[in-house]
Amino acid sequence: MAAATEKGRGARRPKPALVVWSSIALFGVLFALLTYQLSASQPPAPRSVLVRKVLKRRVITTIVPTAGRNTVSSSGGSLSEVGASSYAPVTTGAS
C-alpha cells in the first residue's frame, strides 16, 4: 500500500504566487536587456527620400452668356427657346 501512495506524490504543481512573481521577474530582466541594447546601438543613417510630384491635368469649362442669341441647338438638331440671355459653353484646350 505504501507504493500506491508514493506514485501520486511525484509531480506537484507550483503555487500561483510563485508563477506570478517569476513571470514578473522574467519580464523585468528581458525589458532591461532590450532597453540596454536599444540605448547602446547607434541610430541608423538617414536615407534619402524619393519625392515624386504628381501632376493632374484638368480641363475647366466656363459657360459665358452670348449677346443676341435666343436659340440653342443640340446635336439632335432641335431648337429650343432659352430667353434673352442664352449661354454658350466656352472650352479651353489642355495645354
Protein backbone atom coordinates (compact mmCIF):
# COMPACT_ATOMS: atom_id res chain seq x y z
CA MET A 1 0.00 0.00 0.00
CA ALA A 2 2.89 2.34 0.53
CA ALA A 3 3.82 2.04 -3.16
CA ALA A 4 0.39 3.31 -4.24
CA THR A 5 0.66 6.48 -2.15
CA GLU A 6 4.22 7.18 -3.35
CA LYS A 7 3.13 7.22 -7.05
CA GLY A 8 0.60 10.03 -6.52
CA ARG A 9 3.15 12.31 -4.84
CA GLY A 10 5.51 12.53 -7.84
CA ALA A 11 4.71 15.83 -9.60
CA ARG A 12 3.32 18.77 -7.66
CA ARG A 13 2.04 21.98 -9.20
CA PRO A 14 3.82 25.21 -8.28
CA LYS A 15 1.96 27.78 -6.21
CA PRO A 16 0.20 30.55 -8.19
CA ALA A 17 2.13 33.30 -6.37
CA LEU A 18 5.44 31.74 -7.42
CA VAL A 19 4.33 31.64 -11.06
CA VAL A 20 3.18 35.27 -10.99
CA TRP A 21 6.37 36.58 -9.35
CA SER A 22 8.58 34.51 -11.64
CA SER A 23 6.78 35.92 -14.70
CA ILE A 24 7.16 39.49 -13.43
CA ALA A 25 10.87 38.96 -12.72
CA LEU A 26 11.50 37.42 -16.14
CA PHE A 27 9.67 40.31 -17.82
CA GLY A 28 11.78 42.83 -15.88
CA VAL A 29 15.04 41.14 -16.85
CA LEU A 30 14.10 40.94 -20.54
CA PHE A 31 12.86 44.54 -20.56
CA ALA A 32 16.13 45.75 -19.01
CA LEU A 33 18.16 43.75 -21.54
CA LEU A 34 16.24 45.15 -24.51
CA THR A 35 16.44 48.69 -23.11
CA TYR A 36 20.21 48.37 -22.75
CA GLN A 37 20.61 47.04 -26.29
CA LEU A 38 18.46 49.82 -27.71
CA SER A 39 20.35 52.56 -25.89
CA ALA A 40 23.78 51.13 -26.78
CA SER A 41 23.13 50.87 -30.52
CA GLN A 42 23.89 53.64 -32.99
CA PRO A 43 20.97 55.34 -34.71
CA PRO A 44 20.59 54.32 -38.35
CA ALA A 45 21.95 56.63 -41.02
CA PRO A 46 19.29 58.80 -42.63
CA ARG A 47 18.20 57.55 -46.01
CA SER A 48 17.39 59.79 -48.92
CA VAL A 49 13.71 60.00 -49.73
CA LEU A 50 12.47 59.92 -53.29
CA VAL A 51 9.82 62.58 -53.82
CA ARG A 52 7.60 62.41 -56.86
CA LYS A 53 5.42 65.26 -57.93
CA VAL A 54 2.05 64.16 -59.25
CA LEU A 55 0.59 66.38 -61.92
CA LYS A 56 -3.04 66.09 -62.92
CA ARG A 57 -4.37 67.88 -65.93
CA ARG A 58 -7.83 69.30 -65.63
CA VAL A 59 -9.91 70.97 -68.30
CA ILE A 60 -12.11 73.74 -66.98
CA THR A 61 -15.21 74.62 -68.96
CA THR A 62 -16.71 78.05 -68.36
CA ILE A 63 -20.16 78.95 -69.62
CA VAL A 64 -20.47 82.63 -70.58
CA PRO A 65 -23.57 84.40 -71.88
CA THR A 66 -23.65 85.30 -75.58
CA ALA A 67 -25.29 88.52 -76.67
CA GLY A 68 -28.26 88.42 -79.07
CA ARG A 69 -28.69 84.65 -79.34
CA ASN A 70 -32.13 83.30 -78.43
CA THR A 71 -31.82 79.69 -79.55
CA VAL A 72 -29.55 76.84 -78.57
CA SER A 73 -29.00 73.90 -80.88
CA SER A 74 -28.11 70.43 -79.71
CA SER A 75 -26.59 67.52 -81.60
CA GLY A 76 -30.07 66.20 -82.38
CA GLY A 77 -30.84 69.30 -84.44
CA SER A 78 -33.76 70.54 -82.34
CA LEU A 79 -34.01 74.19 -81.38
CA SER A 80 -35.42 75.49 -78.16
CA GLU A 81 -36.19 78.96 -76.86
CA VAL A 82 -33.89 79.91 -73.99
CA GLY A 83 -34.58 83.59 -73.41
CA ALA A 84 -32.85 86.92 -73.86
CA SER A 85 -29.58 85.86 -72.33
CA SER A 86 -28.54 82.45 -73.61
CA TYR A 87 -25.39 80.65 -72.53
CA ALA A 88 -22.86 79.03 -74.80
CA PRO A 89 -20.03 76.84 -73.49
CA VAL A 90 -16.51 78.11 -73.94
CA THR A 91 -13.95 75.34 -73.77
CA THR A 92 -10.24 75.65 -73.33
CA GLY A 93 -7.84 73.04 -74.61
CA ALA A 94 -5.49 71.19 -72.27
CA SER A 95 -2.00 72.56 -72.64
